C-alpha cells in the first residue's frame, strides 16, 4: 500500500462528502442514508474486507483512510464499526459476512447470554437472550455482531436485526446509541477465547481512536485557518502570542494522538497483539479531546457553538467518542496492568521500545 493509494482513497471519500453537508441528527433522521448509498455504490463500505468474502478488497490502511476521512467530515454513517470492528471480527470468527451494502455494527456492552444449540465447537447455532446496550447505530444497522457470554466462554454471534425494535437513545452528537432486547434469538456464532474477546474490544477502541485522531486534526486545521482570517485590533488573531501558544498546544496534542494511532494500526498490520497499543491510543486520544476542543472553541469564540457553524459538529462527536468503546480510565487500567505484567525490570524497556 503506497501513500498515493491512500491519498486516492481519501480524495474519493472527500469528493463524495462535498455533496452531503453535515446535518443535525434527530430521532426522525438518525443517519445519512443518502451518503451511505453513495459510499456503497462506490464500493467504500467494503474497503479492507476481502473480495472473496464479498468486500471490496484492500488493506487495513485503506479502511483506516476511509474511516478517518468520514470522521473529519462528520459523516453520520456506521462505516467505522463496519470496516474496522464488526466486519473483521465476523470474518475472523469464521462467520459469513453480510453484504457490505447493508450497515453492520457491533455490540460489546450489556448482558447477553448465549446457549449452544449444537456442540458449540467453532461456528454454529446459538440462542441469544438479554439486552445489548449502547449499540452504535441501533435502529440503523441491519446486522449486529454481538459479543455474548456463554457457559463455555465468550461468543461472537451475528444477528439480523432488521425491523427489531430499539430504544431511541443517542450520544451528544445525535448518533444512535440505543439498546436492543434479544429474547431467545437464534443466530450463527462462534466461540472465542478470552484473548480474542479482548482483541475485539481493543479493535473497537482503536476504531474510535482513528475517528478521534482524524476529527482532532480537522478541528486544528479549521482553528488555524480561522486564526489567520479573523481580524482583531487591526491584525489576524494568529499574530497574537497568546493565540499562537494555544495553537501550538493543540498541534502538540494532535500530533501525539496521530503517532499512537498509527503505531496501533501498524501493530495490527504486523499481526501483533493490539490490546496495549489500542489502549495507549484510546487513552491519549481521549485526553487530547479536552485540550483541543476547549482551545478550538476559545479561539473561535461564541460562533463555534452555533448550530450553523461546522466546528460543533466535530467537537460534539469528539466528546461522545471519547467515552465510547471504553473510557480513558478503563483503558488506562488495561495499559498499566499490561506494562507491569512482566515485572518491574521490564517496565522501562516496554515504555521506551519502538512500536
Protein backbone atom coordinates (compact mmCIF):
# COMPACT_ATOMS: atom_id res chain seq x y z
CA UNK A 1 0.00 0.00 0.00
CA UNK A 2 1.58 3.29 -1.11
CA UNK A 3 0.88 6.79 0.15
CA UNK A 4 -0.52 7.67 -3.28
CA UNK A 5 -3.06 4.84 -2.98
CA UNK A 6 -4.18 6.12 0.42
CA UNK A 7 -4.37 9.67 -0.93
CA UNK A 8 -6.59 8.43 -3.77
CA UNK A 9 -8.94 6.73 -1.31
CA UNK A 10 -9.14 9.88 0.81
CA UNK A 11 -9.81 12.10 -2.20
CA UNK A 12 -12.58 9.76 -3.35
CA UNK A 13 -14.28 9.98 0.04
CA UNK A 14 -13.88 13.76 0.15
CA UNK A 15 -15.37 14.13 -3.32
CA UNK A 16 -18.44 12.23 -2.17
CA UNK A 17 -18.66 14.25 1.04
CA UNK A 18 -18.83 17.52 -0.89
CA UNK A 19 -22.34 16.51 -1.95
CA UNK A 20 -23.52 15.88 1.64
CA UNK A 21 -23.39 18.66 4.21
CA UNK A 22 -23.32 17.68 7.91
CA UNK A 23 -26.76 17.90 9.47
CA UNK A 24 -28.21 17.70 12.95
CA UNK A 25 -29.28 14.13 13.72
CA UNK A 26 -32.72 13.53 15.19
CA UNK A 27 -34.90 10.54 16.03
CA UNK A 28 -36.57 11.02 12.64
CA UNK A 29 -33.22 11.33 10.81
CA UNK A 30 -30.78 9.12 12.77
CA UNK A 31 -28.24 8.78 9.95
CA UNK A 32 -27.28 9.98 6.49
CA UNK A 33 -28.85 7.30 4.30
CA UNK A 34 -28.02 9.19 1.13
CA UNK A 35 -24.33 9.33 1.97
CA UNK A 36 -24.31 5.63 2.82
CA UNK A 37 -25.85 4.80 -0.56
CA UNK A 38 -23.23 6.89 -2.34
CA UNK A 39 -20.40 5.23 -0.41
CA UNK A 40 -21.81 1.76 -1.05
CA UNK A 41 -22.19 2.46 -4.76
CA UNK A 42 -18.51 3.44 -4.85
CA UNK A 43 -17.55 0.24 -3.00
CA UNK A 44 -16.28 2.18 0.01
CA UNK A 45 -18.43 0.34 2.57
CA UNK A 46 -16.45 -2.83 1.86
CA UNK A 47 -12.91 -1.43 1.82
CA UNK A 48 -10.40 -3.57 3.69
CA UNK A 49 -12.69 -6.59 3.61
CA UNK A 50 -11.59 -9.41 1.25
CA UNK A 51 -13.26 -9.68 -2.13
CA UNK A 52 -13.82 -13.42 -1.71
CA UNK A 53 -15.99 -12.63 1.34
CA UNK A 54 -18.00 -10.01 -0.54
CA UNK A 55 -15.91 -6.97 0.33
CA UNK A 56 -14.08 -4.53 -1.91
CA UNK A 57 -10.60 -5.75 -1.06
CA UNK A 58 -7.72 -3.54 0.02
CA UNK A 59 -5.67 -3.35 3.18
CA UNK A 60 -6.22 -2.07 6.69
CA UNK A 61 -4.62 1.25 5.73
CA UNK A 62 -7.34 1.74 3.11
CA UNK A 63 -10.09 1.15 5.67
CA UNK A 64 -8.41 3.49 8.16
CA UNK A 65 -8.17 6.17 5.45
CA UNK A 66 -11.89 5.85 4.65
CA UNK A 67 -12.89 5.98 8.32
CA UNK A 68 -10.62 8.94 9.02
CA UNK A 69 -11.88 10.96 6.07
CA UNK A 70 -15.50 10.34 7.06
CA UNK A 71 -14.81 11.22 10.69
CA UNK A 72 -13.20 14.51 9.65
CA UNK A 73 -16.30 15.20 7.57
CA UNK A 74 -18.68 14.50 10.48
CA UNK A 75 -20.33 11.81 8.37
CA UNK A 76 -23.33 10.18 10.03
CA UNK A 77 -22.78 6.61 8.80
CA UNK A 78 -21.63 3.38 10.56
CA UNK A 79 -18.50 2.87 8.44
CA UNK A 80 -16.02 2.74 11.34
CA UNK A 81 -17.98 -0.04 13.02
CA UNK A 82 -18.32 -1.98 9.76
CA UNK A 83 -14.80 -1.68 8.35
CA UNK A 84 -12.63 -1.68 11.47
CA UNK A 85 -14.55 -3.74 14.04
CA UNK A 86 -17.59 -5.84 13.14
CA UNK A 87 -16.56 -6.83 9.62
CA UNK A 88 -13.07 -8.11 10.53
CA UNK A 89 -14.44 -9.76 13.70
CA UNK A 90 -17.13 -11.66 11.80
CA UNK A 91 -14.59 -12.93 9.28
CA UNK A 92 -12.05 -13.86 11.96
CA UNK A 93 -14.76 -15.90 13.71
CA UNK A 94 -15.45 -17.85 10.52
CA UNK A 95 -18.93 -16.41 10.04
CA UNK A 96 -20.47 -15.29 6.76
CA UNK A 97 -20.04 -11.57 6.14
CA UNK A 98 -23.32 -9.79 5.31
CA UNK A 99 -23.41 -7.66 2.18
CA UNK A 100 -21.27 -4.54 2.72
CA UNK A 101 -24.15 -2.55 1.23
CA UNK A 102 -26.14 -3.28 4.43
CA UNK A 103 -24.98 -1.46 7.59
CA UNK A 104 -23.23 -3.71 10.11
CA UNK A 105 -22.47 -2.68 13.68
CA UNK A 106 -21.09 -4.12 16.91
CA UNK A 107 -22.46 -4.69 20.43
CA UNK A 108 -19.98 -5.38 23.21
CA UNK A 109 -21.88 -3.94 26.18
CA UNK A 110 -24.86 -5.21 28.08
CA UNK A 111 -25.85 -8.61 29.40
CA UNK A 112 -26.41 -11.03 26.53
CA UNK A 113 -26.01 -14.73 27.16
CA UNK A 114 -25.61 -17.43 24.52
CA UNK A 115 -26.66 -21.05 24.77
CA UNK A 116 -25.29 -23.51 22.20
CA UNK A 117 -27.82 -25.31 20.05
CA UNK A 118 -25.17 -27.81 18.94
CA UNK A 119 -21.74 -28.85 20.25
CA UNK A 120 -20.54 -25.21 20.36
CA UNK A 121 -17.26 -26.12 18.64
CA UNK A 122 -16.46 -23.46 16.02
CA UNK A 123 -19.17 -21.62 14.05
CA UNK A 124 -22.60 -22.97 14.90
CA UNK A 125 -26.06 -22.04 16.06
CA UNK A 126 -26.67 -20.25 19.37
CA UNK A 127 -29.66 -18.90 21.26
CA UNK A 128 -29.18 -15.33 22.50
CA UNK A 129 -31.06 -13.83 25.42
CA UNK A 130 -30.55 -10.47 27.10
CA UNK A 131 -30.12 -6.77 26.35
CA UNK A 132 -27.37 -5.23 24.24
CA UNK A 133 -26.82 -1.66 25.43
CA UNK A 134 -25.14 1.41 23.91
CA UNK A 135 -25.31 -0.15 20.47
CA UNK A 136 -23.74 2.12 17.89
CA UNK A 137 -26.26 2.92 15.15
CA UNK A 138 -29.04 0.95 16.82
CA UNK A 139 -32.09 1.05 14.57
CA UNK A 140 -29.88 1.81 11.56
CA UNK A 141 -27.70 -1.30 11.33
CA UNK A 142 -29.33 -4.29 9.65
CA UNK A 143 -26.90 -6.77 11.15
CA UNK A 144 -25.25 -6.78 14.55
CA UNK A 145 -22.15 -8.61 15.73
CA UNK A 146 -22.91 -9.35 19.38
CA UNK A 147 -20.27 -10.26 21.95
CA UNK A 148 -22.09 -12.52 24.40
CA UNK A 149 -21.20 -14.73 27.33
CA UNK A 150 -21.86 -18.47 27.48
CA UNK A 151 -21.21 -21.39 29.83
CA UNK A 152 -18.17 -22.30 27.72
CA UNK A 153 -16.71 -18.84 27.07
CA UNK A 154 -17.24 -15.65 25.04
CA UNK A 155 -19.28 -15.97 21.87
CA UNK A 156 -19.44 -13.70 18.84
CA UNK A 157 -22.85 -14.02 17.21
CA UNK A 158 -24.16 -12.41 14.03
CA UNK A 159 -27.78 -11.27 14.37
CA UNK A 160 -30.12 -9.97 11.69
CA UNK A 161 -31.77 -7.05 13.49
CA UNK A 162 -33.79 -5.71 10.59
CA UNK A 163 -37.11 -4.47 11.93
CA UNK A 164 -36.27 -5.20 15.58
CA UNK A 165 -37.33 -2.51 18.00
CA UNK A 166 -34.61 -0.45 19.69
CA UNK A 167 -34.62 2.45 22.12
CA UNK A 168 -34.03 5.92 20.73
CA UNK A 169 -31.03 6.86 22.87
CA UNK A 170 -28.27 8.90 21.23
CA UNK A 171 -24.89 10.32 22.11
CA UNK A 172 -24.14 14.04 22.38
CA UNK A 173 -23.72 14.31 18.61
CA UNK A 174 -27.10 12.67 18.00
CA UNK A 175 -25.68 9.37 16.73
CA UNK A 176 -27.96 6.43 17.70
CA UNK A 177 -26.76 4.53 20.76
CA UNK A 178 -29.87 2.61 21.73
CA UNK A 179 -30.49 -0.74 23.36
CA UNK A 180 -31.77 -3.93 21.79
CA UNK A 181 -33.60 -6.72 23.60
CA UNK A 182 -32.89 -10.25 22.39
CA UNK A 183 -35.31 -12.89 23.60
CA UNK A 184 -34.27 -16.41 22.63
CA UNK A 185 -32.98 -15.25 19.25
CA UNK A 186 -31.31 -17.91 17.14
CA UNK A 187 -28.11 -16.74 15.44
CA UNK A 188 -24.93 -18.06 13.89
CA UNK A 189 -22.00 -17.66 16.22
CA UNK A 190 -18.51 -18.81 17.15
CA UNK A 191 -16.82 -19.49 20.45
CA UNK A 192 -13.94 -17.12 21.24
CA UNK A 193 -11.11 -17.27 23.72
CA UNK A 194 -10.86 -14.58 26.37
CA UNK A 195 -7.86 -13.17 24.49
CA UNK A 196 -9.84 -12.97 21.26
CA UNK A 197 -12.68 -11.19 23.05
CA UNK A 198 -10.20 -8.68 24.46
CA UNK A 199 -8.73 -8.17 20.99
CA UNK A 200 -12.23 -7.42 19.70
CA UNK A 201 -12.75 -4.78 22.38
CA UNK A 202 -9.33 -3.35 21.53
CA UNK A 203 -10.27 -3.08 17.84
CA UNK A 204 -13.38 -1.16 18.86
CA UNK A 205 -11.24 1.21 20.93
CA UNK A 206 -8.85 1.63 18.01
CA UNK A 207 -11.74 2.47 15.67
CA UNK A 208 -12.82 5.28 17.97
CA UNK A 209 -9.21 6.45 18.30
CA UNK A 210 -8.90 6.58 14.50
CA UNK A 211 -12.04 8.71 14.34
CA UNK A 212 -10.86 10.96 17.16
CA UNK A 213 -7.46 11.48 15.58
CA UNK A 214 -8.96 12.49 12.23
CA UNK A 215 -11.56 14.75 13.81
CA UNK A 216 -8.98 16.47 16.02
CA UNK A 217 -6.73 17.07 13.03
CA UNK A 218 -9.63 18.73 11.22
CA UNK A 219 -10.53 20.84 14.25
CA UNK A 220 -6.92 22.04 14.41
CA UNK A 221 -6.89 22.87 10.69
CA UNK A 222 -10.10 24.88 10.97
CA UNK A 223 -8.80 26.74 14.03
CA UNK A 224 -5.50 27.65 12.35
CA UNK A 225 -7.43 28.86 9.30
CA UNK A 226 -9.84 30.91 11.41
CA UNK A 227 -6.99 32.47 13.42
CA UNK A 228 -5.35 33.51 10.18
CA UNK A 229 -8.51 35.05 8.71
CA UNK A 230 -10.21 36.65 11.73
CA UNK A 231 -9.09 40.25 12.30
CA UNK A 232 -8.95 41.74 15.78
CA UNK A 233 -7.46 45.14 16.66
CA UNK A 234 -6.21 45.51 13.11
CA UNK A 235 -4.39 42.20 12.75
CA UNK A 236 -5.18 38.47 12.45
CA UNK A 237 -5.82 36.54 15.66
CA UNK A 238 -2.91 34.28 14.76
CA UNK A 239 -0.49 37.18 15.20
CA UNK A 240 -1.23 37.38 18.93
CA UNK A 241 1.24 35.44 21.07
CA UNK A 242 -1.48 34.02 23.33
CA UNK A 243 -3.29 32.57 20.33
CA UNK A 244 -0.05 31.22 18.89
CA UNK A 245 0.63 29.38 22.15
CA UNK A 246 -2.84 27.86 22.12
CA UNK A 247 -2.44 26.70 18.53
CA UNK A 248 0.93 25.19 19.37
CA UNK A 249 -0.57 23.33 22.32
CA UNK A 250 -3.35 21.99 20.10
CA UNK A 251 -0.83 20.88 17.48
CA UNK A 252 1.19 19.00 20.08
CA UNK A 253 -1.87 17.11 21.27
CA UNK A 254 -2.99 16.24 17.73
CA UNK A 255 0.49 15.03 16.74
CA UNK A 256 0.79 12.79 19.79
CA UNK A 257 -2.58 11.18 19.11
CA UNK A 258 -1.77 10.60 15.44
CA UNK A 259 1.53 8.92 16.34
CA UNK A 260 -0.07 6.48 18.79
CA UNK A 261 -2.96 5.68 16.47
CA UNK A 262 -0.51 4.99 13.64
CA UNK A 263 1.52 2.73 15.95
CA UNK A 264 -1.60 0.75 16.86
CA UNK A 265 -2.58 0.34 13.20
CA UNK A 266 0.94 -0.89 12.44
CA UNK A 267 0.64 -3.42 15.28
CA UNK A 268 -2.46 -4.86 13.60
CA UNK A 269 -0.73 -4.97 10.23
CA UNK A 270 2.19 -6.89 11.76
CA UNK A 271 -0.19 -9.37 13.37
CA UNK A 272 0.84 -8.42 16.90
CA UNK A 273 -1.37 -8.16 19.96
CA UNK A 274 -3.37 -4.99 19.69
CA UNK A 275 -4.53 -4.56 23.26
CA UNK A 276 -1.77 -2.36 24.72
CA UNK A 277 -1.28 -0.33 21.54
CA UNK A 278 -5.02 0.34 21.25
CA UNK A 279 -5.23 1.15 24.95
CA UNK A 280 -2.46 3.75 24.63
CA UNK A 281 -4.07 5.27 21.53
CA UNK A 282 -7.54 5.48 23.09
CA UNK A 283 -6.25 6.97 26.36
CA UNK A 284 -4.16 9.59 24.57
CA UNK A 285 -6.92 10.47 22.12
CA UNK A 286 -9.44 10.90 24.91
CA UNK A 287 -7.10 13.14 26.90
CA UNK A 288 -6.45 15.29 23.83
CA UNK A 289 -10.16 15.95 23.29
CA UNK A 290 -10.39 18.10 26.41
CA UNK A 291 -7.50 20.31 25.33
CA UNK A 292 -8.16 20.58 21.60
CA UNK A 293 -11.94 21.10 21.81
CA UNK A 294 -11.61 23.67 24.58
CA UNK A 295 -8.95 25.72 22.84
CA UNK A 296 -10.67 25.48 19.45
CA UNK A 297 -13.88 26.94 20.84
CA UNK A 298 -11.90 29.54 22.76
CA UNK A 299 -10.18 30.74 19.58
CA UNK A 300 -13.40 30.66 17.57
CA UNK A 301 -15.38 32.42 20.27
CA UNK A 302 -19.15 32.03 20.57
CA UNK A 303 -19.53 31.40 16.83
CA UNK A 304 -18.21 27.86 17.22
CA UNK A 305 -21.19 26.86 19.36
CA UNK A 306 -23.86 27.97 16.90
CA UNK A 307 -25.90 25.34 15.11
CA UNK A 308 -24.86 26.72 11.73
CA UNK A 309 -21.12 26.54 12.36
CA UNK A 310 -19.17 23.44 11.32
CA UNK A 311 -16.99 23.29 14.45
CA UNK A 312 -19.58 21.93 16.84
CA UNK A 313 -20.39 19.02 14.52
CA UNK A 314 -16.91 17.64 15.22
CA UNK A 315 -16.36 18.68 18.84
CA UNK A 316 -19.64 17.08 19.90
CA UNK A 317 -18.55 13.87 18.21
CA UNK A 318 -15.16 14.06 19.90
CA UNK A 319 -16.76 14.44 23.32
CA UNK A 320 -19.01 11.46 22.54
CA UNK A 321 -16.38 9.14 21.03
CA UNK A 322 -14.08 9.85 23.97
CA UNK A 323 -16.41 7.91 26.28
CA UNK A 324 -17.29 5.11 23.85
CA UNK A 325 -15.55 1.75 23.39
CA UNK A 326 -14.06 2.12 26.86
CA UNK A 327 -13.18 5.28 28.76
CA UNK A 328 -9.67 6.57 29.40
CA UNK A 329 -9.82 5.21 32.94
CA UNK A 330 -10.81 1.72 31.79
CA UNK A 331 -8.11 1.51 29.14
CA UNK A 332 -5.51 3.12 31.41
CA UNK A 333 -6.03 0.23 33.82
CA UNK A 334 -5.57 -2.26 30.98
CA UNK A 335 -2.45 -0.43 29.83
CA UNK A 336 -0.99 -0.27 33.32
CA UNK A 337 -1.63 -3.93 34.03
CA UNK A 338 -0.11 -4.92 30.70
CA UNK A 339 3.04 -2.88 31.21
CA UNK A 340 3.57 -4.39 34.66
CA UNK A 341 2.78 -7.97 33.63
CA UNK A 342 6.43 -8.90 33.04
CA UNK A 343 7.68 -7.41 36.31
CA UNK A 344 9.41 -4.15 37.26
CA UNK A 345 12.58 -4.86 35.30
CA UNK A 346 10.63 -4.97 32.05
CA UNK A 347 8.72 -1.71 32.64
CA UNK A 348 11.30 0.73 31.31
CA UNK A 349 12.07 -1.27 28.14
CA UNK A 350 8.33 -1.56 27.49
CA UNK A 351 7.91 2.19 27.79
CA UNK A 352 10.85 3.08 25.55
CA UNK A 353 10.93 0.39 22.86
CA UNK A 354 9.89 1.35 19.35
CA UNK A 355 6.44 0.11 18.39
